[in-house]
Amino acid sequence: MLDHVSGGGFRISNELKNKKRLWMRCYSKDDVLGPNIIPIGQHYENLFDINFWHTTRFMCTLRQGPNYRHYQNFTAFKLFAMADQGGLWDWRARENGIYLKKEAGEYVYNPVWMHKEYDWIY
């Protein structure tokens, strides 16, 4: 029996200013990633196989350094239907919020340009 039928992933990039580090922790039903500290101008990337039932989902928490009080919890990757083939969810942490661009694989409409998805919680 086939365990996996396609791939997906997410990337989290630190585009904060003033040498702020980005704290991240992500998890799925089966995996915990982090916590990790992402230096400014760098990123963390997680590529994986999508399970047979297309229920793969990752949740993440990001926190802005240096005091890590500004944060956001969000769904970093999920599939919308059996026909969804995954793709890469490209997240960018910026001073005024967290931005997203999906690269291929999306089943439902989503802009192909970088757009603000979340504000920071203070």
PDB file of N, CA and C in Angstrom:
ATOM      1  N   MET A   1       0.844  -1.184   0.000  1.00  0.00           N
ATOM      2  CA  MET A   1       0.000   0.000   0.000  1.00  0.00           C
ATOM      3  C   MET A   1       0.887   1.244   0.000  1.00  0.00           C
ATOM      4  N   LEU A   2       0.483   2.273  -0.694  1.00  0.00           N
ATOM      5  CA  LEU A   2       1.235   3.515  -0.752  1.00  0.00           C
ATOM      6  C   LEU A   2       1.050   4.306   0.536  1.00  0.00           C
ATOM      7  N   ASP A   3       2.171   4.732   1.140  1.00  0.00           N
ATOM      8  CA  ASP A   3       2.100   5.540   2.349  1.00  0.00           C
ATOM      9  C   ASP A   3       1.990   7.024   2.025  1.00  0.00           C
ATOM     10  N   HIS A   4       2.636   7.457   0.949  1.00  0.00           N
ATOM     11  CA  HIS A   4       2.661   8.872   0.608  1.00  0.00           C
ATOM     12  C   HIS A   4       2.450   9.015  -0.888  1.00  0.00           C
ATOM     13  N   VAL A   5       1.769  10.085  -1.263  1.00  0.00           N
ATOM     14  CA  VAL A   5       1.481  10.256  -2.673  1.00  0.00           C
ATOM     15  C   VAL A   5       2.015  11.555  -3.257  1.00  0.00           C
ATOM     16  N   SER A   6       2.368  12.527  -2.424  1.00  0.00           N
ATOM     17  CA  SER A   6       2.901  13.777  -2.938  1.00  0.00           C
ATOM     18  C   SER A   6       3.648  14.498  -1.832  1.00  0.00           C
ATOM     19  N   GLY A   7       4.232  15.648  -2.165  1.00  0.00           N
ATOM     20  CA  GLY A   7       5.035  16.369  -1.185  1.00  0.00           C
ATOM     21  C   GLY A   7       4.554  17.768  -0.930  1.00  0.00           C
ATOM     22  N   GLY A   8       5.013  18.303   0.159  1.00  0.00           N
ATOM     23  CA  GLY A   8       4.685  19.666   0.536  1.00  0.00           C
ATOM     24  C   GLY A   8       5.735  20.186   1.489  1.00  0.00           C
ATOM     25  N   GLY A   9       5.513  21.373   1.962  1.00  0.00           N
ATOM     26  CA  GLY A   9       6.436  21.925   2.931  1.00  0.00           C
ATOM     27  C   GLY A   9       6.152  23.370   3.242  1.00  0.00           C
ATOM     28  N   PHE A  10       6.941  23.893   4.167  1.00  0.00           N
ATOM     29  CA  PHE A  10       6.848  25.300   4.505  1.00  0.00           C
ATOM     30  C   PHE A  10       8.234  25.845   4.797  1.00  0.00           C
ATOM     31  N   ARG A  11       8.358  27.138   4.568  1.00  0.00           N
ATOM     32  CA  ARG A  11       9.600  27.864   4.834  1.00  0.00           C
ATOM     33  C   ARG A  11       9.221  29.059   5.691  1.00  0.00           C
ATOM     34  N   ILE A  12      10.018  29.316   6.728  1.00  0.00           N
ATOM     35  CA  ILE A  12       9.807  30.483   7.571  1.00  0.00           C
ATOM     36  C   ILE A  12      11.078  31.314   7.518  1.00  0.00           C
ATOM     37  N   SER A  13      10.945  32.558   7.028  1.00  0.00           N
ATOM     38  CA  SER A  13      12.096  33.448   6.862  1.00  0.00           C
ATOM     39  C   SER A  13      12.024  34.606   7.841  1.00  0.00           C
ATOM     40  N   ASN A  14      13.187  35.006   8.338  1.00  0.00           N
ATOM     41  CA  ASN A  14      13.283  36.141   9.244  1.00  0.00           C
ATOM     42  C   ASN A  14      13.657  37.382   8.447  1.00  0.00           C
ATOM     43  N   GLU A  15      12.678  38.267   8.236  1.00  0.00           N
ATOM     44  CA  GLU A  15      12.910  39.537   7.564  1.00  0.00           C
ATOM     45  C   GLU A  15      12.683  40.704   8.520  1.00  0.00           C
ATOM     46  N   LEU A  16      12.889  40.443   9.812  1.00  0.00           N
ATOM     47  CA  LEU A  16      12.757  41.487  10.825  1.00  0.00           C
ATOM     48  C   LEU A  16      13.931  42.456  10.724  1.00  0.00           C
ATOM     49  N   LYS A  17      13.787  43.627  11.309  1.00  0.00           N
ATOM     50  CA  LYS A  17      14.839  44.640  11.270  1.00  0.00           C
ATOM     51  C   LYS A  17      15.606  44.666  12.588  1.00  0.00           C
ATOM     52  N   ASN A  18      16.672  45.458  12.606  1.00  0.00           N
ATOM     53  CA  ASN A  18      17.456  45.708  13.820  1.00  0.00           C
ATOM     54  C   ASN A  18      18.023  44.442  14.451  1.00  0.00           C
ATOM     55  N   LYS A  19      18.432  43.510  13.606  1.00  0.00           N
ATOM     56  CA  LYS A  19      19.079  42.269  14.062  1.00  0.00           C
ATOM     57  C   LYS A  19      18.226  41.453  15.026  1.00  0.00           C
ATOM     58  N   LYS A  20      16.898  41.543  14.890  1.00  0.00           N
ATOM     59  CA  LYS A  20      15.997  40.762  15.742  1.00  0.00           C
ATOM     60  C   LYS A  20      16.002  39.306  15.305  1.00  0.00           C
ATOM     61  N   ARG A  21      16.111  38.442  16.262  1.00  0.00           N
ATOM     62  CA  ARG A  21      16.024  37.006  15.984  1.00  0.00           C
ATOM     63  C   ARG A  21      14.556  36.584  16.004  1.00  0.00           C
ATOM     64  N   LEU A  22      14.289  35.462  15.338  1.00  0.00           N
ATOM     65  CA  LEU A  22      12.926  34.931  15.258  1.00  0.00           C
ATOM     66  C   LEU A  22      12.907  33.547  15.902  1.00  0.00           C
ATOM     67  N   TRP A  23      12.090  33.395  16.950  1.00  0.00           N
ATOM     68  CA  TRP A  23      11.917  32.110  17.628  1.00  0.00           C
ATOM     69  C   TRP A  23      10.765  31.390  16.949  1.00  0.00           C
ATOM     70  N   MET A  24      10.938  30.099  16.666  1.00  0.00           N
ATOM     71  CA  MET A  24       9.859  29.327  16.043  1.00  0.00           C
ATOM     72  C   MET A  24       9.770  27.936  16.646  1.00  0.00           C
ATOM     73  N   ARG A  25       8.546  27.460  16.695  1.00  0.00           N
ATOM     74  CA  ARG A  25       8.260  26.081  17.093  1.00  0.00           C
ATOM     75  C   ARG A  25       7.056  25.644  16.283  1.00  0.00           C
ATOM     76  N   CYS A  26       7.153  24.471  15.647  1.00  0.00           N
ATOM     77  CA  CYS A  26       6.058  23.960  14.825  1.00  0.00           C
ATOM     78  C   CYS A  26       5.774  22.518  15.212  1.00  0.00           C
ATOM     79  N   TYR A  27       4.558  22.087  14.940  1.00  0.00           N
ATOM     80  CA  TYR A  27       4.202  20.702  15.241  1.00  0.00           C
ATOM     81  C   TYR A  27       3.092  20.219  14.319  1.00  0.00           C
ATOM     82  N   SER A  28       3.075  18.914  14.151  1.00  0.00           N
ATOM     83  CA  SER A  28       1.991  18.234  13.448  1.00  0.00           C
ATOM     84  C   SER A  28       1.497  17.139  14.385  1.00  0.00           C
ATOM     85  N   LYS A  29       0.643  16.291  13.885  1.00  0.00           N
ATOM     86  CA  LYS A  29       0.163  15.159  14.681  1.00  0.00           C
ATOM     87  C   LYS A  29       1.325  14.248  15.078  1.00  0.00           C
ATOM     88  N   ASP A  30       2.327  14.143  14.206  1.00  0.00           N
ATOM     89  CA  ASP A  30       3.420  13.193  14.417  1.00  0.00           C
ATOM     90  C   ASP A  30       4.778  13.810  14.736  1.00  0.00           C
ATOM     91  N   ASP A  31       4.962  15.100  14.514  1.00  0.00           N
ATOM     92  CA  ASP A  31       6.283  15.711  14.639  1.00  0.00           C
ATOM     93  C   ASP A  31       6.248  17.011  15.429  1.00  0.00           C
ATOM     94  N   VAL A  32       7.367  17.294  16.115  1.00  0.00           N
ATOM     95  CA  VAL A  32       7.593  18.583  16.766  1.00  0.00           C
ATOM     96  C   VAL A  32       8.912  19.112  16.225  1.00  0.00           C
ATOM     97  N   LEU A  33       8.890  20.345  15.713  1.00  0.00           N
ATOM     98  CA  LEU A  33      10.071  20.977  15.145  1.00  0.00           C
ATOM     99  C   LEU A  33      10.428  22.186  15.999  1.00  0.00           C
ATOM    100  N   GLY A  34      11.601  22.156  16.575  1.00  0.00           N
ATOM    101  CA  GLY A  34      12.056  23.272  17.391  1.00  0.00           C
ATOM    102  C   GLY A  34      11.815  23.020  18.860  1.00  0.00           C
ATOM    103  N   PRO A  35      12.023  24.086  19.637  1.00  0.00           N
ATOM    104  CA  PRO A  35      12.157  25.456  19.168  1.00  0.00           C
ATOM    105  C   PRO A  35      13.505  25.721  18.496  1.00  0.00           C
ATOM    106  N   ASN A  36      13.473  26.629  17.536  1.00  0.00           N
ATOM    107  CA  ASN A  36      14.666  27.069  16.812  1.00  0.00           C
ATOM    108  C   ASN A  36      14.701  28.588  16.810  1.00  0.00           C
ATOM    109  N   ILE A  37      15.900  29.134  16.741  1.00  0.00           N
ATOM    110  CA  ILE A  37      16.090  30.573  16.584  1.00  0.00           C
ATOM    111  C   ILE A  37      16.598  30.804  15.167  1.00  0.00           C
ATOM    112  N   ILE A  38      15.892  31.652  14.414  1.00  0.00           N
ATOM    113  CA  ILE A  38      16.267  31.963  13.035  1.00  0.00           C
ATOM    114  C   ILE A  38      16.900  33.356  13.024  1.00  0.00           C
ATOM    115  N   PRO A  39      18.181  33.459  12.672  1.00  0.00           N
ATOM    116  CA  PRO A  39      18.827  34.772  12.593  1.00  0.00           C
ATOM    117  C   PRO A  39      18.242  35.604  11.450  1.00  0.00           C
ATOM    118  N   ILE A  40      18.408  36.913  11.536  1.00  0.00           N
ATOM    119  CA  ILE A  40      17.900  37.808  10.506  1.00  0.00           C
ATOM    120  C   ILE A  40      18.514  37.446   9.157  1.00  0.00           C
ATOM    121  N   GLY A  41      17.686  37.466   8.123  1.00  0.00           N
ATOM    122  CA  GLY A  41      18.129  37.152   6.771  1.00  0.00           C
ATOM    123  C   GLY A  41      18.231  35.672   6.467  1.00  0.00           C
ATOM    124  N   GLN A  42      17.864  34.819   7.410  1.00  0.00           N
ATOM    125  CA  GLN A  42      17.929  33.375   7.179  1.00  0.00           C
ATOM    126  C   GLN A  42      16.534  32.762   7.283  1.00  0.00           C
ATOM    127  N   HIS A  43      16.450  31.474   6.984  1.00  0.00           N
ATOM    128  CA  HIS A  43      15.146  30.807   7.027  1.00  0.00           C
ATOM    129  C   HIS A  43      15.277  29.383   7.536  1.00  0.00           C
ATOM    130  N   TYR A  44      14.138  28.816   7.897  1.00  0.00           N
ATOM    131  CA  TYR A  44      14.012  27.412   8.272  1.00  0.00           C
ATOM    132  C   TYR A  44      13.063  26.790   7.261  1.00  0.00           C
ATOM    133  N   GLU A  45      13.413  25.624   6.744  1.00  0.00           N
ATOM    134  CA  GLU A  45      12.567  24.972   5.746  1.00  0.00           C
ATOM    135  C   GLU A  45      12.317  23.534   6.146  1.00  0.00           C
ATOM    136  N   ASN A  46      11.080  23.097   5.999  1.00  0.00           N
ATOM    137  CA  ASN A  46      10.691  21.727   6.300  1.00  0.00           C
ATOM    138  C   ASN A  46       9.911  21.170   5.110  1.00  0.00           C
ATOM    139  N   LEU A  47      10.494  20.204   4.433  1.00  0.00           N
ATOM    140  CA  LEU A  47       9.847  19.529   3.306  1.00  0.00           C
ATOM    141  C   LEU A  47       9.469  18.126   3.745  1.00  0.00           C
ATOM    142  N   PHE A  48       8.314  17.652   3.312  1.00  0.00           N
ATOM    143  CA  PHE A  48       7.824  16.363   3.789  1.00  0.00           C
ATOM    144  C   PHE A  48       6.881  15.742   2.773  1.00  0.00           C
ATOM    145  N   ASP A  49       6.592  14.455   2.984  1.00  0.00           N
ATOM    146  CA  ASP A  49       5.591  13.766   2.183  1.00  0.00           C
ATOM    147  C   ASP A  49       4.221  13.989   2.811  1.00  0.00           C
ATOM    148  N   ILE A  50       3.230  14.127   1.977  1.00  0.00           N
ATOM    149  CA  ILE A  50       1.850  14.268   2.439  1.00  0.00           C
ATOM    150  C   ILE A  50       1.277  12.876   2.645  1.00  0.00           C
ATOM    151  N   ASN A  51       0.558  12.685   3.743  1.00  0.00           N
ATOM    152  CA  ASN A  51       0.029  11.349   4.008  1.00  0.00           C
ATOM    153  C   ASN A  51      -1.055  10.968   2.994  1.00  0.00           C
ATOM    154  N   PHE A  52      -1.339   9.714   2.921  1.00  0.00           N
ATOM    155  CA  PHE A  52      -2.273   9.169   1.943  1.00  0.00           C
ATOM    156  C   PHE A  52      -3.650   9.833   2.016  1.00  0.00           C
ATOM    157  N   TRP A  53      -4.106  10.161   3.217  1.00  0.00           N
ATOM    158  CA  TRP A  53      -5.441  10.722   3.411  1.00  0.00           C
ATOM    159  C   TRP A  53      -5.494  12.235   3.208  1.00  0.00           C
ATOM    160  N   HIS A  54      -4.359  12.853   2.909  1.00  0.00           N
ATOM    161  CA  HIS A  54      -4.271  14.309   2.694  1.00  0.00           C
ATOM    162  C   HIS A  54      -4.745  15.105   3.910  1.00  0.00           C
ATOM    163  N   THR A  55      -4.334  14.650   5.075  1.00  0.00           N
ATOM    164  CA  THR A  55      -4.681  15.359   6.313  1.00  0.00           C
ATOM    165  C   THR A  55      -3.455  16.000   6.957  1.00  0.00           C
ATOM    166  N   THR A  56      -2.351  16.058   6.242  1.00  0.00           N
ATOM    167  CA  THR A  56      -1.120  16.645   6.781  1.00  0.00           C
ATOM    168  C   THR A  56      -1.358  18.114   7.134  1.00  0.00           C
ATOM    169  N   ARG A  57      -0.958  18.486   8.358  1.00  0.00           N
ATOM    170  CA  ARG A  57      -1.132  19.859   8.832  1.00  0.00           C
ATOM    171  C   ARG A  57      -0.016  20.179   9.819  1.00  0.00           C
ATOM    172  N   PHE A  58       0.536  21.387   9.716  1.00  0.00           N
ATOM    173  CA  PHE A  58       1.532  21.877  10.664  1.00  0.00           C
ATOM    174  C   PHE A  58       1.056  23.191  11.252  1.00  0.00           C
ATOM    175  N   MET A  59       1.158  23.320  12.551  1.00  0.00           N
ATOM    176  CA  MET A  59       0.865  24.546  13.274  1.00  0.00           C
ATOM    177  C   MET A  59       2.195  25.114  13.758  1.00  0.00           C
ATOM    178  N   CYS A  60       2.305  26.457  13.789  1.00  0.00           N
ATOM    179  CA  CYS A  60       3.544  27.087  14.232  1.00  0.00           C
ATOM    180  C   CYS A  60       3.264  28.253  15.165  1.00  0.00           C
ATOM    181  N   THR A  61       4.251  28.536  15.990  1.00  0.00           N
ATOM    182  CA  THR A  61       4.283  29.737  16.813  1.00  0.00           C
ATOM    183  C   THR A  61       5.572  30.463  16.475  1.00  0.00           C
ATOM    184  N   LEU A  62       5.463  31.769  16.208  1.00  0.00           N
ATOM    185  CA  LEU A  62       6.629  32.622  15.976  1.00  0.00           C
ATOM    186  C   LEU A  62       6.644  33.693  17.054  1.00  0.00           C
ATOM    187  N   ARG A  63       7.862  34.048  17.490  1.00  0.00           N
ATOM    188  CA  ARG A  63       8.051  35.117  18.474  1.00  0.00           C
ATOM    189  C   ARG A  63       9.206  35.999  18.025  1.00  0.00           C
ATOM    190  N   GLN A  64       9.002  37.336  18.116  1.00  0.00           N
ATOM    191  CA  GLN A  64      10.026  38.311  17.749  1.00  0.00           C
ATOM    192  C   GLN A  64      10.984  38.553  18.904  1.00  0.00           C
ATOM    193  N   GLY A  65      12.292  38.468  18.638  1.00  0.00           N
ATOM    194  CA  GLY A  65      13.287  38.843  19.631  1.00  0.00           C
ATOM    195  C   GLY A  65      13.414  40.350  19.692  1.00  0.00           C
ATOM    196  N   PRO A  66      14.129  40.907  20.641  1.00  0.00           N
ATOM    197  CA  PRO A  66      14.952  40.179  21.601  1.00  0.00           C
ATOM    198  C   PRO A  66      14.184  39.696  22.827  1.00  0.00           C
ATOM    199  N   ASN A  67      13.035  40.307  23.140  1.00  0.00           N
ATOM    200  CA  ASN A  67      12.307  39.890  24.350  1.00  0.00           C
ATOM    201  C   ASN A  67      11.238  38.835  24.067  1.00  0.00           C
ATOM    202  N   TYR A  68      10.932  38.578  22.813  1.00  0.00           N
ATOM    203  CA  TYR A  68      10.001  37.520  22.375  1.00  0.00           C
ATOM    204  C   TYR A  68       8.578  37.705  22.900  1.00  0.00           C
ATOM    205  N   ARG A  69       8.178  38.961  23.168  1.00  0.00           N
ATOM    206  CA  ARG A  69       6.808  39.228  23.626  1.00  0.00           C
ATOM    207  C   ARG A  69       5.811  39.276  22.480  1.00  0.00           C
ATOM    208  N   HIS A  70       6.236  39.727  21.312  1.00  0.00           N
ATOM    209  CA  HIS A  70       5.347  39.779  20.151  1.00  0.00           C
ATOM    210  C   HIS A  70       5.339  38.400  19.508  1.00  0.00           C
ATOM    211  N   TYR A  71       4.154  37.842  19.305  1.00  0.00           N
ATOM    212  CA  TYR A  71       4.063  36.463  18.821  1.00  0.00           C
ATOM    213  C   TYR A  71       2.855  36.283  17.917  1.00  0.00           C
ATOM    214  N   GLN A  72       2.784  35.109  17.288  1.00  0.00           N
ATOM    215  CA  GLN A  72       1.610  34.709  16.519  1.00  0.00           C
ATOM    216  C   GLN A  72       1.599  33.191  16.411  1.00  0.00           C
ATOM    217  N   ASN A  73       0.420  32.597  16.583  1.00  0.00           N
ATOM    218  CA  ASN A  73       0.186  31.166  16.370  1.00  0.00           C
ATOM    219  C   ASN A  73      -0.621  31.034  15.089  1.00  0.00           C
ATOM    220  N   PHE A  74      -0.256  30.089  14.220  1.00  0.00           N
ATOM    221  CA  PHE A  74      -0.966  29.977  12.951  1.00  0.00           C
ATOM    222  C   PHE A  74      -0.759  28.595  12.335  1.00  0.00           C
ATOM    223  N   THR A  75      -1.595  28.291  11.344  1.00  0.00           N
ATOM    224  CA  THR A  75      -1.453  27.069  10.564  1.00  0.00           C
ATOM    225  C   THR A  75      -0.448  27.345   9.460  1.00  0.00           C
ATOM    226  N   ALA A  76       0.690  26.678   9.515  1.00  0.00           N
ATOM    227  CA  ALA A  76       1.763  26.915   8.549  1.00  0.00           C
ATOM    228  C   ALA A  76       1.597  26.092   7.281  1.00  0.00           C
ATOM    229  N   PHE A  77       0.832  24.993   7.357  1.00  0.00           N
ATOM    230  CA  PHE A  77       0.608  24.156   6.184  1.00  0.00           C
ATOM    231  C   PHE A  77      -0.617  23.289   6.431  1.00  0.00           C
ATOM    232  N   LYS A  78      -1.487  23.215   5.429  1.00  0.00           N
ATOM    233  CA  LYS A  78      -2.603  22.269   5.469  1.00  0.00           C
ATOM    234  C   LYS A  78      -3.100  22.060   4.054  1.00  0.00           C
ATOM    235  N   LEU A  79      -3.796  20.971   3.856  1.00  0.00           N
ATOM    236  CA  LEU A  79      -4.385  20.658   2.557  1.00  0.00           C
ATOM    237  C   LEU A  79      -5.875  20.928   2.630  1.00  0.00           C
ATOM    238  N   PHE A  80      -6.447  21.316   1.497  1.00  0.00           N
ATOM    239  CA  PHE A  80      -7.851  21.692   1.470  1.00  0.00           C
ATOM    240  C   PHE A  80      -8.758  20.627   0.875  1.00  0.00           C
ATOM    241  N   ALA A  81      -8.186  19.682   0.133  1.00  0.00           N
ATOM    242  CA  ALA A  81      -9.001  18.649  -0.512  1.00  0.00           C
ATOM    243  C   ALA A  81      -8.089  17.515  -0.965  1.00  0.00           C
ATOM    244  N   MET A  82      -8.682  16.398  -1.318  1.00  0.00           N
ATOM    245  CA  MET A  82      -7.895  15.256  -1.820  1.00  0.00           C
ATOM    246  C   MET A  82      -7.122  15.628  -3.087  1.00  0.00           C
ATOM    247  N   ALA A  83      -7.631  16.560  -3.866  1.00  0.00           N
ATOM    248  CA  ALA A  83      -6.959  16.960  -5.098  1.00  0.00           C
ATOM    249  C   ALA A  83      -5.783  17.905  -4.848  1.00  0.00           C
ATOM    250  N   ASP A  84      -5.670  18.444  -3.643  1.00  0.00           N
ATOM    251  CA  ASP A  84      -4.576  19.359  -3.310  1.00  0.00           C
ATOM    252  C   ASP A  84      -3.270  18.564  -3.273  1.00  0.00           C
ATOM    253  N   GLN A  85      -2.281  19.021  -4.012  1.00  0.00           N
ATOM    254  CA  GLN A  85      -1.011  18.303  -4.108  1.00  0.00           C
ATOM    255  C   GLN A  85       0.093  18.884  -3.235  1.00  0.00           C
ATOM    256  N   GLY A  86      -0.258  19.802  -2.344  1.00  0.00           N
ATOM    257  CA  GLY A  86       0.735  20.329  -1.408  1.00  0.00           C
ATOM    258  C   GLY A  86       1.340  21.627  -1.853  1.00  0.00           C
ATOM    259  N   GLY A  87       2.615  21.599  -2.181  1.00  0.00           N
ATOM    260  CA  GLY A  87       3.331  22.810  -2.543  1.00  0.00           C
ATOM    261  C   GLY A  87       4.079  23.374  -1.353  1.00  0.00           C
ATOM    262  N   LEU A  88       4.753  24.483  -1.571  1.00  0.00           N
ATOM    263  CA  LEU A  88       5.546  25.126  -0.537  1.00  0.00           C
ATOM    264  C   LEU A  88       4.822  26.381  -0.038  1.00  0.00           C
ATOM    265  N   TRP A  89       4.614  26.467   1.252  1.00  0.00           N
ATOM    266  CA  TRP A  89       4.038  27.651   1.878  1.00  0.00           C
ATOM    267  C   TRP A  89       5.204  28.481   2.392  1.00  0.00           C
ATOM    268  N   ASP A  90       5.414  29.627   1.780  1.00  0.00           N
ATOM    269  CA  ASP A  90       6.569  30.486   2.057  1.00  0.00           C
ATOM    270  C   ASP A  90       6.137  31.622   2.990  1.00  0.00           C
ATOM    271  N   TRP A  91       6.558  31.557   4.274  1.00  0.00           N
ATOM    272  CA  TRP A  91       6.187  32.537   5.291  1.00  0.00           C
ATOM    273  C   TRP A  91       7.343  33.498   5.522  1.00  0.00           C
ATOM    274  N   ARG A  92       7.043  34.800   5.697  1.00  0.00           N
ATOM    275  CA  ARG A  92       8.055  35.825   5.965  1.00  0.00           C
ATOM    276  C   ARG A  92       7.637  36.625   7.187  1.00  0.00           C
ATOM    277  N   ALA A  93       8.473  36.604   8.215  1.00  0.00           N
ATOM    278  CA  ALA A  93       8.221  37.409   9.411  1.00  0.00           C
ATOM    279  C   ALA A  93       8.803  38.796   9.186  1.00  0.00           C
ATOM    280  N   ARG A  94       7.939  39.807   9.220  1.00  0.00           N
ATOM    281  CA  ARG A  94       8.343  41.195   9.031  1.00  0.00           C
ATOM    282  C   ARG A  94       7.860  42.011  10.229  1.00  0.00           C
ATOM    283  N   GLU A  95       8.348  43.222  10.338  1.00  0.00           N
ATOM    284  CA  GLU A  95       8.011  44.081  11.480  1.00  0.00           C
ATOM    285  C   GLU A  95       6.507  44.271  11.638  1.00  0.00           C
ATOM    286  N   ASN A  96       5.790  44.438  10.541  1.00  0.00           N
ATOM    287  CA  ASN A  96       4.358  44.749  10.631  1.00  0.00           C
ATOM    288  C   ASN A  96       3.451  43.530  10.499  1.00  0.00           C
ATOM    289  N   GLY A  97       4.022  42.323  10.449  1.00  0.00           N
ATOM    290  CA  GLY A  97       3.185  41.130  10.376  1.00  0.00           C
ATOM    291  C   GLY A  97       3.879  39.960   9.723  1.00  0.00           C
ATOM    292  N   ILE A  98       3.097  38.930   9.480  1.00  0.00           N
ATOM    293  CA  ILE A  98       3.609  37.689   8.891  1.00  0.00           C
ATOM    294  C   ILE A  98       2.956  37.522   7.527  1.00  0.00           C
ATOM    295  N   TYR A  99       3.777  37.333   6.512  1.00  0.00           N
ATOM    296  CA  TYR A  99       3.344  37.300   5.121  1.00  0.00           C
ATOM    297  C   TYR A  99       3.438  35.881   4.573  1.00  0.00           C
ATOM    298  N   LEU A 100       2.612  35.592   3.568  1.00  0.00           N
ATOM    299  CA  LEU A 100       2.550  34.266   2.963  1.00  0.00           C
ATOM    300  C   LEU A 100       2.515  34.344   1.451  1.00  0.00           C
ATOM    301  N   LYS A 101       3.187  33.392   0.843  1.00  0.00           N
ATOM    302  CA  LYS A 101       3.086  33.154  -0.600  1.00  0.00           C
ATOM    303  C   LYS A 101       3.111  31.639  -0.779  1.00  0.00           C
ATOM    304  N   LYS A 102       2.094  31.104  -1.447  1.00  0.00           N
ATOM    305  CA  LYS A 102       2.064  29.667  -1.727  1.00  0.00           C
ATOM    306  C   LYS A 102       2.643  29.428  -3.109  1.00  0.00           C
ATOM    307  N   GLU A 103       3.552  28.482  -3.184  1.00  0.00           N
ATOM    308  CA  GLU A 103       4.209  28.170  -4.445  1.00  0.00           C
ATOM    309  C   GLU A 103       3.749  26.801  -4.936  1.00  0.00           C
ATOM    310  N   ALA A 104       2.874  26.797  -5.897  1.00  0.00           N
ATOM    311  CA  ALA A 104       2.351  25.576  -6.536  1.00  0.00           C
ATOM    312  C   ALA A 104       1.586  24.702  -5.558  1.00  0.00           C
ATOM    313  N   GLY A 105       0.763  23.831  -6.093  1.00  0.00           N
ATOM    314  CA  GLY A 105       0.087  22.822  -5.312  1.00  0.00           C
ATOM    315  C   GLY A 105      -1.231  23.222  -4.682  1.00  0.00           C
ATOM    316  N   GLU A 106      -1.543  24.492  -4.617  1.00  0.00           N
ATOM    317  CA  GLU A 106      -2.769  24.867  -3.926  1.00  0.00           C
ATOM    318  C   GLU A 106      -4.001  24.508  -4.755  1.00  0.00           C
ATOM    319  N   TYR A 107      -5.004  24.033  -4.071  1.00  0.00           N
ATOM    320  CA  TYR A 107      -6.239  23.598  -4.721  1.00  0.00           C
ATOM    321  C   TYR A 107      -7.259  24.729  -4.764  1.00  0.00           C
ATOM    322  N   VAL A 108      -7.342  25.473  -3.673  1.00  0.00           N
ATOM    323  CA  VAL A 108      -8.275  26.595  -3.635  1.00  0.00           C
ATOM    324  C   VAL A 108      -7.549  27.851  -4.063  1.00  0.00           C
ATOM    325  N   TYR A 109      -8.316  28.891  -4.410  1.00  0.00           N
ATOM    326  CA  TYR A 109      -7.714  30.133  -4.868  1.00  0.00           C
ATOM    327  C   TYR A 109      -6.846  30.735  -3.775  1.00  0.00           C
ATOM    328  N   ASN A 110      -5.670  31.130  -4.133  1.00  0.00           N
ATOM    329  CA  ASN A 110      -4.784  31.868  -3.236  1.00  0.00           C
ATOM    330  C   ASN A 110      -3.860  32.704  -4.087  1.00  0.00           C
ATOM    331  N   PRO A 111      -3.685  33.981  -3.733  1.00  0.00           N
ATOM    332  CA  PRO A 111      -2.785  34.814  -4.534  1.00  0.00           C
ATOM    333  C   PRO A 111      -1.379  34.221  -4.608  1.00  0.00           C
ATOM    334  N   VAL A 112      -0.737  34.390  -5.737  1.00  0.00           N
ATOM    335  CA  VAL A 112       0.605  33.853  -5.920  1.00  0.00           C
ATOM    336  C   VAL A 112       1.661  34.869  -5.496  1.00  0.00           C
ATOM    337  N   TRP A 113       1.241  36.047  -5.045  1.00  0.00           N
ATOM    338  CA  TRP A 113       2.179  37.047  -4.571  1.00  0.00           C
ATOM    339  C   TRP A 113       2.203  37.028  -3.045  1.00  0.00           C
ATOM    340  N   MET A 114       3.247  37.608  -2.481  1.00  0.00           N
ATOM    341  CA  MET A 114       3.388  37.706  -1.033  1.00  0.00           C
ATOM    342  C   MET A 114       2.314  38.655  -0.503  1.00  0.00           C
ATOM    343  N   HIS A 115       1.552  38.213   0.484  1.00  0.00           N
ATOM    344  CA  HIS A 115       0.508  39.049   1.071  1.00  0.00           C
ATOM    345  C   HIS A 115       0.493  38.869   2.588  1.00  0.00           C
ATOM    346  N   LYS A 116       0.084  39.910   3.277  1.00  0.00           N
ATOM    347  CA  LYS A 116       0.043  39.858   4.733  1.00  0.00           C
ATOM    348  C   LYS A 116      -1.098  38.952   5.181  1.00  0.00           C
ATOM    349  N   GLU A 117      -0.745  37.981   6.005  1.00  0.00           N
ATOM    350  CA  GLU A 117      -1.724  37.007   6.479  1.00  0.00           C
ATOM    351  C   GLU A 117      -2.089  37.243   7.952  1.00  0.00           C
ATOM    352  N   TYR A 118      -1.112  37.653   8.770  1.00  0.00           N
ATOM    353  CA  TYR A 118      -1.341  37.827  10.212  1.00  0.00           C
ATOM    354  C   TYR A 118      -0.620  39.066  10.738  1.00  0.00           C
ATOM    355  N   ASP A 119      -1.212  39.672  11.758  1.00  0.00           N
ATOM    356  CA  ASP A 119      -0.547  40.705  12.536  1.00  0.00           C
ATOM    357  C   ASP A 119       0.118  40.033  13.734  1.00  0.00           C
ATOM    358  N   TRP A 120       1.093  40.698  14.312  1.00  0.00           N
ATOM    359  CA  TRP A 120       1.699  40.220  15.550  1.00  0.00           C
ATOM    360  C   TRP A 120       0.736  40.486  16.709  1.00  0.00           C
ATOM    361  N   ILE A 121       0.718  39.599  17.668  1.00  0.00           N
ATOM    362  CA  ILE A 121      -0.041  39.788  18.904  1.00  0.00           C
ATOM    363  C   ILE A 121       0.919  40.420  19.905  1.00  0.00           C
ATOM    364  N   TYR A 122       0.490  41.531  20.511  1.00  0.00           N
ATOM    365  CA  TYR A 122       1.350  42.260  21.469  1.00  0.00           C
ATOM    366  C   TYR A 122       0.949  41.978  22.886  1.00  0.00           C
TER     367      TYR A 122
END
